[in-house]
Amino acid sequence: MTASIKASVKTYEAWLAAALGGDLVEADLAEKHDKMREGPFPFLRATYWRWAETIFETCPDLASAPAVLAIGDTHVENFGCWRDAEGRLVWGANDFDDAAAMPYPLDLVRLAASALLAREDRDPGSGEICAAILAGYAAGLVDPRPFILERDHKWLRKAVMLPETERAAYWAKFAAPAPRPIPLRYREALRGALPDPAGPFETFPRTAGVGSLGRPRFVARADWRGGPVLREVKAVVVSAWVLRHGGDPAIRAGVVAGGRFRAVDPRHHVADGLVVRRLSPNSRKIEAKGSADELLSPDMLTAMSREIAACHAGDPGRAPALLAHLRGLPPDWLRVHAKAAARQVEADQAAFT
């Protein structure tokens, strides 16, 4: 029998404190709890470990589906943009902290459940959401490829590019924090990620995200050849999926992020329990706040699931088996499972509040 949500929170956070070896950020955990009380969608984002605990009770038949190296913590805000090694603007999934081997439908069910929880009183309906996701995923398994926005996908490029006022606000936000010393391990990881590791730079802690709140996160700020540059480092721990279901305890974030059907961000590195990445207006997440209509449109949901397929297809030789299994499922399977999963999230969030 799965523990109550309040007991589950205490157990997971005790494990996290031990895993971080004294680096747990208590103040960020308090903020995380506040976000969990705001509603079911932020609760979903904050509690991937709980999803791992409950999903096979909610959707037991999914346990027998073919396994793949999956994203895990999939949701509509786990997508953004970056520049690849050729300087091209790329869009796709950009957080793989909970990547692990698991039944492939779970990424789709979690994406659909997150859309149901994020839409509030908006359209589209559950049928339209799930139809868009299934269409994108099937197409992506047949022809996996990254979303390169330099020439194609004009509608998506328009959705993700910041206007000048927001670009200015972005840089101003990161110019504001006063410099503060940070632990040597994190400072050296940031130094090595800067374009001039020997040059001067400032550091400060950062509070961001939802699911990773509680883990240390720091930023390096420098001026390089006429303009600002930013790098971020955060701690990464064993996937909550592995904690619950076992399997390879290695951190797999870099494996999925660097898959063969993705245009890799060359400034994204995973090593020694740390994730380092570039921050810029072109290397960021896209959040539902202020962009919900775009994030929940059928075209965007189709693109999201197509990107999930590209990530899954990066697990060598898996795409044909996944497609064959997908085509054998009942027509309404995703809507039924997504609604059941969303109800479980809503019940846990109500019990936590």
Protein backbone atom coordinates (compact mmCIF):
# COMPACT_ATOMS: atom_id res chain seq x y z
CA MET A 1 0.00 0.00 0.00
CA THR A 2 1.41 3.38 -1.02
CA ALA A 3 2.09 5.80 1.83
CA SER A 4 0.02 8.96 2.27
CA ILE A 5 1.28 11.99 0.40
CA LYS A 6 2.47 13.71 3.57
CA ALA A 7 4.43 10.63 4.63
CA SER A 8 5.78 10.30 1.09
CA VAL A 9 7.04 13.89 1.12
CA LYS A 10 8.90 13.34 4.40
CA THR A 11 10.45 10.09 3.22
CA TYR A 12 11.62 11.47 -0.11
CA GLU A 13 13.04 14.66 1.35
CA ALA A 14 14.94 12.70 4.00
CA TRP A 15 16.43 10.59 1.21
CA LEU A 16 17.27 13.71 -0.80
CA ALA A 17 19.04 15.32 2.16
CA ALA A 18 21.19 12.22 2.56
CA ALA A 19 21.88 11.97 -1.18
CA LEU A 20 23.04 15.59 -1.31
CA GLY A 21 25.42 15.09 1.59
CA GLY A 22 24.52 18.24 3.49
CA ASP A 23 23.85 20.47 0.45
CA LEU A 24 20.06 20.44 0.79
CA VAL A 25 18.61 23.97 0.45
CA GLU A 26 15.96 24.08 3.17
CA ALA A 27 14.56 27.47 2.15
CA ASP A 28 13.92 26.21 -1.37
CA LEU A 29 12.05 23.21 0.00
CA ALA A 30 9.72 25.58 1.83
CA GLU A 31 9.09 27.39 -1.47
CA LYS A 32 8.48 24.04 -3.15
CA HIS A 33 5.81 23.18 -0.59
CA ASP A 34 4.13 26.54 -1.22
CA LYS A 35 4.07 25.82 -4.96
CA MET A 36 2.61 22.38 -4.31
CA ARG A 37 -0.29 24.05 -2.52
CA GLU A 38 -1.02 26.38 -5.45
CA GLY A 39 -2.74 23.75 -7.57
CA PRO A 40 -2.52 20.32 -9.21
CA PHE A 41 -0.27 21.37 -12.11
CA PRO A 42 2.57 22.80 -10.00
CA PHE A 43 2.05 19.84 -7.66
CA LEU A 44 2.65 17.48 -10.58
CA ARG A 45 5.82 19.34 -11.50
CA ALA A 46 7.11 19.25 -7.92
CA THR A 47 6.51 15.57 -7.16
CA TYR A 48 7.90 13.25 -9.79
CA TRP A 49 8.87 10.78 -7.10
CA ARG A 50 5.19 10.55 -6.13
CA TRP A 51 4.25 9.85 -9.74
CA ALA A 52 6.74 6.99 -9.70
CA GLU A 53 5.12 5.64 -6.53
CA THR A 54 1.52 5.75 -7.72
CA ILE A 55 1.39 5.38 -11.50
CA PHE A 56 1.17 1.58 -11.56
CA GLU A 57 -1.60 1.65 -8.98
CA THR A 58 -3.45 4.15 -11.16
CA CYS A 59 -2.59 2.55 -14.51
CA PRO A 60 -1.51 -1.03 -13.73
CA ASP A 61 -1.72 -2.30 -17.31
CA LEU A 62 1.06 0.06 -18.42
CA ALA A 63 3.64 -1.88 -16.41
CA SER A 64 3.88 -4.54 -19.13
CA ALA A 65 4.48 -2.12 -22.02
CA PRO A 66 7.91 -2.18 -23.71
CA ALA A 67 10.58 -0.32 -21.79
CA VAL A 68 12.75 2.45 -23.19
CA LEU A 69 15.24 4.98 -21.84
CA ALA A 70 12.67 7.70 -21.22
CA ILE A 71 12.55 11.30 -20.03
CA GLY A 72 10.52 10.43 -16.93
CA ASP A 73 9.55 13.86 -15.61
CA THR A 74 7.67 14.85 -18.76
CA HIS A 75 5.22 17.76 -18.71
CA VAL A 76 4.24 20.72 -20.88
CA GLU A 77 6.83 23.02 -19.27
CA ASN A 78 9.72 20.64 -19.86
CA PHE A 79 10.46 22.11 -23.28
CA GLY A 80 12.54 25.05 -24.36
CA CYS A 81 15.17 26.23 -26.78
CA TRP A 82 18.95 26.36 -27.18
CA ARG A 83 21.66 26.83 -29.79
CA ASP A 84 23.38 23.75 -31.17
CA ALA A 85 27.02 23.40 -32.23
CA GLU A 86 26.22 25.04 -35.57
CA GLY A 87 24.60 28.03 -33.88
CA ARG A 88 21.13 26.94 -35.00
CA LEU A 89 18.11 27.64 -32.82
CA VAL A 90 16.69 24.32 -31.59
CA TRP A 91 13.54 23.52 -29.62
CA GLY A 92 12.85 20.40 -27.59
CA ALA A 93 12.82 18.70 -24.21
CA ASN A 94 15.44 20.23 -21.95
CA ASP A 95 15.31 18.59 -18.52
CA PHE A 96 16.32 14.95 -18.16
CA ASP A 97 17.11 14.76 -14.44
CA ASP A 98 14.78 11.77 -13.93
CA ALA A 99 15.63 9.86 -17.08
CA ALA A 100 15.49 6.09 -16.60
CA ALA A 101 14.39 2.89 -18.33
CA MET A 102 10.60 2.53 -17.97
CA PRO A 103 7.53 1.59 -20.03
CA TYR A 104 7.38 4.02 -22.95
CA PRO A 105 3.69 5.07 -22.52
CA LEU A 106 4.49 6.79 -19.23
CA ASP A 107 6.08 9.80 -20.94
CA LEU A 108 2.92 10.19 -23.04
CA VAL A 109 0.51 9.75 -20.13
CA ARG A 110 2.41 12.26 -18.02
CA LEU A 111 2.49 14.80 -20.85
CA ALA A 112 -1.25 14.40 -21.42
CA ALA A 113 -2.04 14.54 -17.69
CA SER A 114 0.03 17.72 -17.35
CA ALA A 115 -1.90 19.32 -20.20
CA LEU A 116 -5.20 18.40 -18.55
CA LEU A 117 -4.04 19.90 -15.27
CA ALA A 118 -2.54 23.04 -16.84
CA ARG A 119 -5.50 23.95 -19.05
CA GLU A 120 -7.80 25.01 -16.17
CA ASP A 121 -10.95 26.20 -17.98
CA ARG A 122 -9.35 26.48 -21.40
CA ASP A 123 -9.80 24.39 -24.48
CA PRO A 124 -8.73 21.96 -25.88
CA GLY A 125 -10.64 19.01 -24.47
CA SER A 126 -9.08 15.76 -23.33
CA GLY A 127 -9.85 14.02 -26.62
CA GLU A 128 -8.14 16.71 -28.67
CA ILE A 129 -5.14 16.79 -26.35
CA CYS A 130 -4.61 13.05 -26.55
CA ALA A 131 -5.21 12.84 -30.31
CA ALA A 132 -2.53 15.48 -30.88
CA ILE A 133 -0.05 13.69 -28.61
CA LEU A 134 -0.60 10.30 -30.21
CA ALA A 135 -0.30 11.71 -33.73
CA GLY A 136 2.99 13.39 -32.93
CA TYR A 137 4.47 10.39 -31.17
CA ALA A 138 3.64 7.94 -33.97
CA ALA A 139 5.06 10.32 -36.59
CA GLY A 140 8.18 10.83 -34.50
CA LEU A 141 8.88 7.11 -34.21
CA VAL A 142 8.59 6.71 -37.98
CA ASP A 143 10.82 9.70 -38.74
CA PRO A 144 12.70 10.86 -35.62
CA ARG A 145 14.42 14.22 -35.98
CA PRO A 146 15.12 17.37 -33.95
CA PHE A 147 13.23 20.64 -34.29
CA ILE A 148 15.64 23.03 -36.05
CA LEU A 149 13.99 26.45 -36.17
CA GLU A 150 16.36 28.34 -38.49
CA ARG A 151 14.40 27.57 -41.65
CA ASP A 152 11.46 25.34 -40.75
CA HIS A 153 8.69 25.44 -38.13
CA LYS A 154 8.10 29.17 -38.46
CA TRP A 155 5.10 29.01 -36.09
CA LEU A 156 7.25 27.41 -33.40
CA ARG A 157 10.09 29.88 -33.88
CA LYS A 158 7.62 32.73 -33.48
CA ALA A 159 6.29 31.17 -30.26
CA VAL A 160 9.68 30.75 -28.57
CA MET A 161 11.58 33.88 -29.61
CA LEU A 162 11.55 36.62 -26.98
CA PRO A 163 10.65 40.19 -28.04
CA GLU A 164 13.23 42.88 -27.34
CA THR A 165 11.57 44.08 -24.13
CA GLU A 166 11.62 40.57 -22.65
CA ARG A 167 15.22 40.00 -23.77
CA ALA A 168 16.25 43.14 -21.95
CA ALA A 169 14.35 42.03 -18.85
CA TYR A 170 16.03 38.63 -19.01
CA TRP A 171 19.53 40.09 -18.89
CA ALA A 172 18.51 42.62 -16.24
CA LYS A 173 17.22 39.81 -14.02
CA PHE A 174 20.60 38.09 -14.03
CA ALA A 175 22.54 41.34 -13.61
CA ALA A 176 20.71 42.14 -10.36
CA PRO A 177 21.85 39.50 -7.81
CA ALA A 178 24.83 40.53 -5.70
CA PRO A 179 27.85 38.22 -6.06
CA ARG A 180 28.23 35.59 -3.36
CA PRO A 181 30.80 32.86 -2.75
CA ILE A 182 29.65 29.32 -3.47
CA PRO A 183 31.11 25.89 -2.63
CA LEU A 184 34.31 25.10 -4.49
CA ARG A 185 32.88 22.06 -6.29
CA TYR A 186 30.18 24.14 -7.96
CA ARG A 187 32.49 27.09 -8.63
CA GLU A 188 35.00 24.92 -10.45
CA ALA A 189 32.28 23.29 -12.55
CA LEU A 190 31.09 26.75 -13.60
CA ARG A 191 34.63 27.94 -14.27
CA GLY A 192 35.25 25.05 -16.63
CA ALA A 193 32.05 25.82 -18.54
CA LEU A 194 32.85 29.48 -19.24
CA PRO A 195 34.33 30.51 -22.60
CA ASP A 196 37.41 31.84 -20.75
CA PRO A 197 37.98 29.75 -17.63
CA ALA A 198 40.96 31.91 -16.68
CA GLY A 199 38.97 35.14 -16.76
CA PRO A 200 37.12 36.82 -13.89
CA PHE A 201 33.56 35.85 -13.06
CA GLU A 202 31.00 36.27 -10.30
CA THR A 203 28.80 33.63 -8.70
CA PHE A 204 25.50 33.62 -6.84
CA PRO A 205 22.85 31.06 -5.84
CA ARG A 206 19.68 30.75 -7.86
CA THR A 207 16.20 29.53 -7.00
CA ALA A 208 14.36 28.23 -10.06
CA GLY A 209 12.20 25.40 -11.32
CA VAL A 210 9.80 23.37 -9.22
CA GLY A 211 10.79 19.71 -9.13
CA SER A 212 14.46 20.45 -8.41
CA LEU A 213 13.81 22.89 -5.58
CA GLY A 214 15.88 21.84 -2.60
CA ARG A 215 18.88 20.92 -4.71
CA PRO A 216 21.70 23.50 -4.84
CA ARG A 217 21.75 25.64 -7.97
CA PHE A 218 24.29 28.36 -8.77
CA VAL A 219 25.04 30.80 -11.59
CA ALA A 220 28.29 32.22 -12.95
CA ARG A 221 28.16 35.67 -14.55
CA ALA A 222 30.96 37.10 -16.66
CA ASP A 223 31.66 39.64 -19.38
CA TRP A 224 33.36 38.12 -22.40
CA ARG A 225 34.35 39.87 -25.61
CA GLY A 226 31.86 42.69 -25.33
CA GLY A 227 28.84 41.09 -23.71
CA PRO A 228 27.48 39.06 -20.80
CA VAL A 229 27.61 35.28 -20.50
CA LEU A 230 25.90 33.05 -17.98
CA ARG A 231 26.34 29.45 -16.87
CA GLU A 232 24.26 27.47 -14.39
CA VAL A 233 25.12 24.40 -12.34
CA LYS A 234 22.77 22.27 -10.25
CA ALA A 235 23.07 19.00 -8.41
CA VAL A 236 21.46 15.94 -9.93
CA VAL A 237 20.60 12.74 -8.05
CA VAL A 238 19.46 9.24 -8.94
CA SER A 239 16.15 9.22 -10.81
CA ALA A 240 13.14 8.87 -8.54
CA TRP A 241 11.97 6.13 -10.91
CA VAL A 242 14.98 3.99 -9.99
CA LEU A 243 14.41 4.68 -6.29
CA ARG A 244 10.95 3.16 -6.55
CA HIS A 245 11.34 0.48 -9.21
CA GLY A 246 15.04 -0.37 -9.26
CA GLY A 247 17.27 -0.58 -12.29
CA ASP A 248 20.49 1.10 -13.31
CA PRO A 249 21.34 3.72 -10.65
CA ALA A 250 23.55 5.70 -13.02
CA ILE A 251 22.42 9.22 -13.85
CA ARG A 252 21.13 8.95 -17.43
CA ALA A 253 20.34 12.61 -18.12
CA GLY A 254 23.31 13.10 -20.41
CA VAL A 255 22.54 9.95 -22.38
CA VAL A 256 19.03 11.05 -23.35
CA ALA A 257 20.01 14.69 -23.89
CA GLY A 258 22.79 13.59 -26.24
CA GLY A 259 20.66 11.14 -28.22
CA ARG A 260 21.35 10.55 -31.91
CA PHE A 261 18.08 12.18 -33.04
CA ARG A 262 18.66 15.41 -31.13
CA ALA A 263 20.60 18.56 -32.09
CA VAL A 264 22.62 18.63 -28.90
CA ASP A 265 23.27 21.73 -26.82
CA PRO A 266 27.11 21.78 -26.66
CA ARG A 267 26.98 23.74 -23.38
CA HIS A 268 24.92 21.09 -21.60
CA HIS A 269 27.09 18.70 -19.59
CA VAL A 270 26.29 16.04 -17.00
CA ALA A 271 29.11 14.66 -14.87
CA ASP A 272 30.00 13.95 -11.25
CA GLY A 273 26.46 14.53 -10.01
CA LEU A 274 26.20 17.98 -11.61
CA VAL A 275 24.35 19.39 -14.62
CA VAL A 276 25.93 22.47 -16.20
CA ARG A 277 24.26 24.51 -18.93
CA ARG A 278 24.31 27.87 -20.63
CA LEU A 279 21.66 30.44 -19.75
CA SER A 280 20.52 32.98 -22.32
CA PRO A 281 17.28 34.19 -23.91
CA ASN A 282 17.88 31.43 -26.48
CA SER A 283 18.65 28.76 -23.86
CA ARG A 284 15.65 28.65 -21.59
CA LYS A 285 12.46 26.87 -20.65
CA ILE A 286 9.05 28.01 -21.86
CA GLU A 287 6.50 28.27 -19.05
CA ALA A 288 2.73 28.03 -19.09
CA LYS A 289 2.36 31.33 -17.25
CA GLY A 290 1.57 33.85 -19.97
CA SER A 291 1.95 31.21 -22.70
CA ALA A 292 -0.70 28.63 -21.83
CA ASP A 293 -2.67 29.01 -25.06
CA GLU A 294 0.47 28.34 -27.09
CA LEU A 295 1.69 25.47 -24.90
CA LEU A 296 -1.69 23.72 -24.99
CA SER A 297 -2.42 24.15 -28.68
CA PRO A 298 -2.76 20.93 -30.70
CA ASP A 299 0.24 21.89 -32.85
CA MET A 300 2.45 22.37 -29.78
CA LEU A 301 1.30 19.14 -28.13
CA THR A 302 2.00 17.28 -31.38
CA ALA A 303 5.47 18.80 -31.46
CA MET A 304 6.09 17.85 -27.82
CA SER A 305 5.17 14.22 -28.37
CA ARG A 306 7.18 14.09 -31.57
CA GLU A 307 10.18 15.29 -29.56
CA ILE A 308 9.50 12.58 -26.97
CA ALA A 309 9.57 10.04 -29.80
CA ALA A 310 12.94 11.38 -30.96
CA CYS A 311 14.27 10.90 -27.42
CA HIS A 312 12.88 7.36 -27.22
CA ALA A 313 14.21 6.47 -30.66
CA GLY A 314 17.67 7.40 -29.44
CA ASP A 315 17.57 4.19 -27.39
CA PRO A 316 19.04 1.96 -30.14
CA GLY A 317 16.67 -0.44 -31.85
CA ARG A 318 13.62 0.40 -29.78
CA ALA A 319 11.49 2.41 -32.22
CA PRO A 320 9.98 -0.52 -34.23
CA ALA A 321 8.83 -2.37 -31.09
CA LEU A 322 7.39 0.80 -29.60
CA LEU A 323 5.48 1.62 -32.78
CA ALA A 324 4.11 -1.92 -33.08
CA HIS A 325 2.91 -1.86 -29.48
CA LEU A 326 1.41 1.62 -29.88
CA ARG A 327 -0.61 0.54 -32.91
CA GLY A 328 -2.06 -2.38 -30.95
CA LEU A 329 -3.49 -0.25 -28.13
CA PRO A 330 -7.21 0.67 -27.93
CA PRO A 331 -8.09 4.01 -29.57
CA ASP A 332 -9.01 5.72 -26.28
CA TRP A 333 -6.19 4.35 -24.12
CA LEU A 334 -4.29 7.61 -23.64
CA ARG A 335 -7.32 9.69 -22.66
CA VAL A 336 -8.47 7.07 -20.13
CA HIS A 337 -5.03 6.78 -18.53
CA ALA A 338 -4.29 10.51 -18.57
CA LYS A 339 -7.56 11.35 -16.87
CA ALA A 340 -6.96 8.66 -14.24
CA ALA A 341 -3.44 9.95 -13.60
CA ALA A 342 -4.67 13.54 -13.39
CA ARG A 343 -7.30 12.53 -10.83
CA GLN A 344 -4.60 10.87 -8.70
CA VAL A 345 -2.53 14.07 -8.79
CA GLU A 346 -5.57 16.14 -7.83
CA ALA A 347 -6.34 13.82 -4.90
CA ASP A 348 -2.75 13.95 -3.63
CA GLN A 349 -2.63 17.72 -3.99
CA ALA A 350 -5.87 18.14 -2.06
CA ALA A 351 -4.58 15.85 0.71
CA PHE A 352 -1.32 17.79 0.93
CA THR A 353 -2.92 21.22 1.12
